[in-house]
Amino acid sequence: MIIRKATMTDAKGIAKVHVDSWKTTYRNIIPNEFLEKLSYVQREKLWEHNLSKVVDYVVVAENDNGEIIGFADCGKRERNQVDHSGDLTSIYLLEEYQGKGIGKQLMKQLFLQFQKWGYNRVFVEVLEDNKTRYFYEYYGAELMKSDKITFSGSELNLLIYQWKNINEVLAKL
C-alpha cells in the first residue's frame, strides 16, 4: 500500500473511486436515481479541475498493483471564514478496502498538511446517515451543528464537525 500526493494523471483513478464509493457509501441515504446517474467521465473532469487548483491538497492510496483504491482531499472552503482553519473535504475508499486502516493513513496525510499550513482548526461536513461520522468522532471531531440540506429532491441532515487541536489528532493517528 502506497499513500502519495495525487498528480494530474490520477484524475481517472480518483474518479472511479469517487463514483464506486458513492454508490456503496450513500446507498439508501441519497436517492438511488442520483447514484445510478453518476458518471466516471463527469467525475474525471471534476477531478482534473480539482487537481489543477493550487489551494487544495489531494492524496491517493494505491494497492500493490498500482491501482488507486482511495483518496482524500482538503483545503479551505470559500465559505470558511475562520482564521487559521481548513476543511477536510473528503476521504473515500473502495468498499473492499474499508476497515483496513487506509482511511486513517489518508487522514494523517491531510492533518500533516494542515499542520504545514499553520491551521489549528479543521472542519468536516458529513451526512448524518453516513457511518464515516463515527470515524471522525473516534479521532476527536466534535459536532458543532446540524443543517438541513436538499440533495436530489431529498431533505437530509448535514452534520458539521470540528477538530480544535490538530496536534491531538495527529497524536492519535
Protein backbone atom coordinates (compact mmCIF):
# COMPACT_ATOMS: atom_id res chain seq x y z
CA MET A 1 0.00 0.00 0.00
CA ILE A 2 1.32 3.40 -1.01
CA ILE A 3 -0.08 6.77 0.10
CA ARG A 4 1.17 9.65 -2.04
CA LYS A 5 0.31 13.14 -3.24
CA ALA A 6 -2.01 13.00 -6.25
CA THR A 7 -0.94 14.19 -9.68
CA MET A 8 -2.96 15.28 -12.71
CA THR A 9 -2.62 11.79 -14.19
CA ASP A 10 -4.57 10.39 -11.21
CA ALA A 11 -7.87 12.06 -12.18
CA LYS A 12 -9.26 8.95 -13.88
CA GLY A 13 -8.42 6.64 -10.97
CA ILE A 14 -9.79 9.10 -8.41
CA ALA A 15 -12.99 9.46 -10.46
CA LYS A 16 -13.50 5.69 -10.46
CA VAL A 17 -13.10 5.51 -6.67
CA HIS A 18 -15.35 8.56 -6.27
CA VAL A 19 -18.21 7.05 -8.26
CA ASP A 20 -17.88 3.49 -6.93
CA SER A 21 -17.54 4.55 -3.30
CA TRP A 22 -20.51 6.94 -3.56
CA LYS A 23 -22.64 4.06 -4.85
CA THR A 24 -21.81 1.96 -1.78
CA THR A 25 -21.45 4.66 0.88
CA TYR A 26 -24.60 6.59 0.01
CA ARG A 27 -26.87 3.68 -0.96
CA ASN A 28 -30.19 4.25 0.85
CA ILE A 29 -29.00 7.67 2.04
CA ILE A 30 -29.32 9.75 -1.11
CA PRO A 31 -31.74 8.86 -3.93
CA ASN A 32 -30.68 5.81 -5.91
CA GLU A 33 -31.68 7.57 -9.15
CA PHE A 34 -28.91 10.08 -8.49
CA LEU A 35 -26.35 7.36 -7.74
CA GLU A 36 -27.25 5.47 -10.90
CA LYS A 37 -26.54 8.57 -12.99
CA LEU A 38 -23.03 9.13 -11.62
CA SER A 39 -20.55 9.17 -14.46
CA TYR A 40 -16.85 8.30 -14.48
CA VAL A 41 -16.33 10.81 -17.30
CA GLN A 42 -18.01 13.67 -15.42
CA ARG A 43 -16.12 12.89 -12.21
CA GLU A 44 -12.85 12.68 -14.12
CA LYS A 45 -13.43 16.21 -15.44
CA LEU A 46 -14.25 17.36 -11.90
CA TRP A 47 -11.01 15.84 -10.59
CA GLU A 48 -8.93 17.31 -13.41
CA HIS A 49 -10.27 20.69 -12.27
CA ASN A 50 -9.73 19.92 -8.56
CA LEU A 51 -6.17 18.70 -9.11
CA SER A 52 -5.32 21.88 -11.01
CA LYS A 53 -6.22 24.07 -8.01
CA VAL A 54 -3.16 25.11 -6.04
CA VAL A 55 -5.14 25.66 -2.84
CA ASP A 56 -6.26 22.03 -2.46
CA TYR A 57 -4.22 19.07 -1.29
CA VAL A 58 -5.14 15.61 -2.58
CA VAL A 59 -3.59 12.26 -1.68
CA VAL A 60 -4.27 8.81 -3.10
CA ALA A 61 -3.90 5.28 -1.80
CA GLU A 62 -2.63 2.67 -4.26
CA ASN A 63 -2.81 -1.08 -3.89
CA ASP A 64 0.16 -3.33 -4.68
CA ASN A 65 -0.85 -3.32 -8.37
CA GLY A 66 -0.57 0.48 -8.53
CA GLU A 67 -4.35 0.96 -8.78
CA ILE A 68 -5.94 3.86 -6.92
CA ILE A 69 -8.24 2.40 -4.27
CA GLY A 70 -8.84 5.53 -2.20
CA PHE A 71 -8.26 9.25 -1.98
CA ALA A 72 -8.61 12.17 0.40
CA ASP A 73 -8.55 15.91 -0.08
CA CYS A 74 -8.51 19.07 1.95
CA GLY A 75 -8.22 22.81 1.64
CA LYS A 76 -10.24 25.78 2.75
CA ARG A 77 -13.81 26.19 1.53
CA GLU A 78 -14.71 29.68 0.31
CA ARG A 79 -17.44 29.90 2.92
CA ASN A 80 -14.96 29.08 5.72
CA GLN A 81 -14.18 32.49 7.20
CA VAL A 82 -12.44 31.17 10.35
CA ASP A 83 -8.80 32.27 10.57
CA HIS A 84 -6.13 29.54 10.67
CA SER A 85 -8.62 26.80 9.77
CA GLY A 86 -9.20 24.38 6.95
CA ASP A 87 -11.67 21.80 5.70
CA LEU A 88 -11.32 18.07 5.30
CA THR A 89 -13.44 17.78 2.18
CA SER A 90 -13.39 14.04 1.54
CA ILE A 91 -11.98 10.64 2.28
CA TYR A 92 -13.23 7.84 0.04
CA LEU A 93 -12.18 4.21 -0.27
CA LEU A 94 -13.47 1.37 -2.39
CA GLU A 95 -15.70 -0.75 -0.15
CA GLU A 96 -13.41 -3.80 -0.17
CA TYR A 97 -10.54 -1.71 1.27
CA GLN A 98 -12.52 -0.12 4.10
CA GLY A 99 -11.77 -1.11 7.70
CA LYS A 100 -8.08 -1.84 6.99
CA GLY A 101 -6.53 1.37 8.36
CA ILE A 102 -6.16 3.05 4.96
CA GLY A 103 -8.60 5.84 5.80
CA LYS A 104 -6.55 6.54 8.91
CA GLN A 105 -3.38 6.82 6.81
CA LEU A 106 -5.09 9.14 4.33
CA MET A 107 -6.43 11.33 7.12
CA LYS A 108 -2.98 11.53 8.72
CA GLN A 109 -1.55 12.95 5.49
CA LEU A 110 -4.27 15.61 5.42
CA PHE A 111 -3.62 16.60 9.02
CA LEU A 112 0.12 16.80 8.38
CA GLN A 113 -0.73 19.21 5.54
CA PHE A 114 -3.00 21.26 7.80
CA GLN A 115 -0.09 21.49 10.23
CA LYS A 116 2.24 22.70 7.44
CA TRP A 117 -0.31 25.36 6.51
CA GLY A 118 -0.36 26.53 10.14
CA TYR A 119 -4.03 25.70 10.68
CA ASN A 120 -5.21 24.99 14.21
CA ARG A 121 -8.85 24.09 13.47
CA VAL A 122 -10.33 21.72 10.91
CA PHE A 123 -13.95 21.32 9.83
CA VAL A 124 -15.64 18.39 8.13
CA GLU A 125 -19.19 18.05 6.83
CA VAL A 126 -20.84 14.63 6.76
CA LEU A 127 -24.36 13.38 6.18
CA GLU A 128 -25.94 12.16 9.42
CA ASP A 129 -26.64 8.69 7.99
CA ASN A 130 -23.06 8.26 6.72
CA LYS A 131 -21.20 5.88 9.04
CA THR A 132 -17.96 7.81 8.39
CA ARG A 133 -19.09 10.28 11.01
CA TYR A 134 -18.14 7.71 13.67
CA PHE A 135 -14.64 7.50 12.19
CA TYR A 136 -14.30 11.28 12.56
CA GLU A 137 -15.75 11.17 16.08
CA TYR A 138 -13.27 8.46 17.06
CA TYR A 139 -10.44 10.80 16.10
CA GLY A 140 -11.86 13.61 18.22
CA ALA A 141 -14.17 15.54 15.89
CA GLU A 142 -16.80 17.43 17.86
CA LEU A 143 -20.26 18.12 16.49
CA MET A 144 -20.78 21.87 16.04
CA LYS A 145 -24.14 21.99 14.33
CA SER A 146 -26.61 20.28 12.06
CA ASP A 147 -28.16 21.77 8.94
CA LYS A 148 -30.94 20.58 6.66
CA ILE A 149 -29.94 20.32 3.02
CA THR A 150 -31.85 19.26 -0.06
CA PHE A 151 -30.00 16.82 -2.25
CA SER A 152 -31.55 15.49 -5.43
CA GLY A 153 -35.02 16.20 -4.07
CA SER A 154 -34.46 14.64 -0.64
CA GLU A 155 -34.05 16.53 2.62
CA LEU A 156 -31.00 15.31 4.55
CA ASN A 157 -29.26 16.23 7.78
CA LEU A 158 -25.76 17.59 7.28
CA LEU A 159 -23.54 17.46 10.35
CA ILE A 160 -20.68 19.93 10.73
CA TYR A 161 -17.84 18.75 12.94
CA GLN A 162 -14.63 20.42 14.03
CA TRP A 163 -11.28 19.48 15.44
CA LYS A 164 -9.85 22.24 17.64
CA ASN A 165 -6.33 20.83 18.02
CA ILE A 166 -4.52 19.34 15.04
CA ASN A 167 -1.63 18.05 17.19
CA GLU A 168 -4.03 15.97 19.32
CA VAL A 169 -5.48 14.38 16.19
CA LEU A 170 -2.01 13.62 14.81
CA ALA A 171 -1.01 12.03 18.13
CA LYS A 172 -4.00 9.69 17.86
CA LEU A 173 -3.31 8.87 14.21
